[in-house]
Amino acid sequence: MSERAAPFHCPYCGEEDLRPGEQGHGAWECAACNRAFQLKFLGLLARGLRRADDRGDERT
C-alpha cells in the first residue's frame, strides 16, 4: 500500500467532516466538533499473542 490511511470519522463525535491538520503528519481537524486529534502507528503485534480475556472458556 503506497498511500497513507486516513480516518473515516472523528473519534470524538463520529462525524465525517475531517481535514488534515496544520500540526504535521497524522494530525486531523474535525469541522463538526472543532477538535483536533493525531493518529500514530504504534507497531505490529506479535503473531499468536492473545490477551487473557480473549481465551474464552479454555479453562481446564
C-alpha atoms as a PDB file:
ATOM      1  CA  MET A   1       0.000   0.000   0.000  1.00  0.00           C
ATOM      2  CA  SER A   2       1.607   3.224  -1.096  1.00  0.00           C
ATOM      3  CA  GLU A   3      -0.846   5.789   0.326  1.00  0.00           C
ATOM      4  CA  ARG A   4      -1.348   6.666   3.975  1.00  0.00           C
ATOM      5  CA  ALA A   5      -4.634   5.637   5.515  1.00  0.00           C
ATOM      6  CA  ALA A   6      -6.999   8.421   6.522  1.00  0.00           C
ATOM      7  CA  PRO A   7      -9.605   8.246   9.289  1.00  0.00           C
ATOM      8  CA  PHE A   8     -13.199   7.791   8.144  1.00  0.00           C
ATOM      9  CA  HIS A   9     -14.783   9.571  11.107  1.00  0.00           C
ATOM     10  CA  CYS A  10     -13.937  11.701  14.132  1.00  0.00           C
ATOM     11  CA  PRO A  11     -13.145   9.570  17.224  1.00  0.00           C
ATOM     12  CA  TYR A  12     -14.948  12.131  19.425  1.00  0.00           C
ATOM     13  CA  CYS A  13     -18.236  12.916  17.650  1.00  0.00           C
ATOM     14  CA  GLY A  14     -18.375  10.380  14.789  1.00  0.00           C
ATOM     15  CA  GLU A  15     -18.822  12.947  12.029  1.00  0.00           C
ATOM     16  CA  GLU A  16     -17.016  12.564   8.698  1.00  0.00           C
ATOM     17  CA  ASP A  17     -16.134  16.232   8.051  1.00  0.00           C
ATOM     18  CA  LEU A  18     -12.368  15.852   8.594  1.00  0.00           C
ATOM     19  CA  ARG A  19      -9.475  17.828   7.172  1.00  0.00           C
ATOM     20  CA  PRO A  20      -5.708  17.352   7.510  1.00  0.00           C
ATOM     21  CA  GLY A  21      -4.367  19.408  10.400  1.00  0.00           C
ATOM     22  CA  GLU A  22      -1.670  22.055  10.242  1.00  0.00           C
ATOM     23  CA  GLN A  23       0.377  20.415  13.049  1.00  0.00           C
ATOM     24  CA  GLY A  24       2.022  17.952  10.699  1.00  0.00           C
ATOM     25  CA  HIS A  25       1.915  14.274   9.829  1.00  0.00           C
ATOM     26  CA  GLY A  26      -1.054  12.383  11.236  1.00  0.00           C
ATOM     27  CA  ALA A  27      -2.910  15.457  12.510  1.00  0.00           C
ATOM     28  CA  TRP A  28      -6.603  15.874  11.648  1.00  0.00           C
ATOM     29  CA  GLU A  29      -9.238  18.500  12.409  1.00  0.00           C
ATOM     30  CA  CYS A  30     -12.975  17.886  12.751  1.00  0.00           C
ATOM     31  CA  ALA A  31     -15.166  20.730  11.496  1.00  0.00           C
ATOM     32  CA  ALA A  32     -18.250  19.350  13.282  1.00  0.00           C
ATOM     33  CA  CYS A  33     -16.964  19.352  16.890  1.00  0.00           C
ATOM     34  CA  ASN A  34     -13.983  21.701  16.392  1.00  0.00           C
ATOM     35  CA  ARG A  35     -11.481  19.188  17.828  1.00  0.00           C
ATOM     36  CA  ALA A  36      -8.017  18.293  16.599  1.00  0.00           C
ATOM     37  CA  PHE A  37      -6.500  14.839  17.007  1.00  0.00           C
ATOM     38  CA  GLN A  38      -3.478  12.915  15.820  1.00  0.00           C
ATOM     39  CA  LEU A  39      -3.102   9.369  14.523  1.00  0.00           C
ATOM     40  CA  LYS A  40       0.000   7.397  15.402  1.00  0.00           C
ATOM     41  CA  PHE A  41       1.110   3.930  14.331  1.00  0.00           C
ATOM     42  CA  LEU A  42       2.401   2.085  17.387  1.00  0.00           C
ATOM     43  CA  GLY A  43       3.753  -1.084  15.768  1.00  0.00           C
ATOM     44  CA  LEU A  44       2.835  -4.641  14.907  1.00  0.00           C
ATOM     45  CA  LEU A  45       1.575  -7.198  17.391  1.00  0.00           C
ATOM     46  CA  ALA A  46       3.380 -10.491  17.762  1.00  0.00           C
ATOM     47  CA  ARG A  47       1.647 -13.286  15.865  1.00  0.00           C
ATOM     48  CA  GLY A  48      -0.272 -15.641  18.115  1.00  0.00           C
ATOM     49  CA  LEU A  49      -0.232 -13.277  21.075  1.00  0.00           C
ATOM     50  CA  ARG A  50      -3.608 -13.143  22.790  1.00  0.00           C
ATOM     51  CA  ARG A  51      -4.937 -11.213  25.739  1.00  0.00           C
ATOM     52  CA  ALA A  52      -6.058 -13.174  28.783  1.00  0.00           C
ATOM     53  CA  ASP A  53      -9.692 -12.071  28.331  1.00  0.00           C
ATOM     54  CA  ASP A  54      -9.732 -13.397  24.724  1.00  0.00           C
ATOM     55  CA  ARG A  55      -9.298 -17.017  25.819  1.00  0.00           C
ATOM     56  CA  GLY A  56     -12.992 -17.661  26.339  1.00  0.00           C
ATOM     57  CA  ASP A  57     -13.796 -20.958  28.055  1.00  0.00           C
ATOM     58  CA  GLU A  58     -10.478 -22.741  27.509  1.00  0.00           C
ATOM     59  CA  ARG A  59     -10.085 -23.479  31.202  1.00  0.00           C
ATOM     60  CA  THR A  60      -9.008 -26.951  32.261  1.00  0.00           C
END
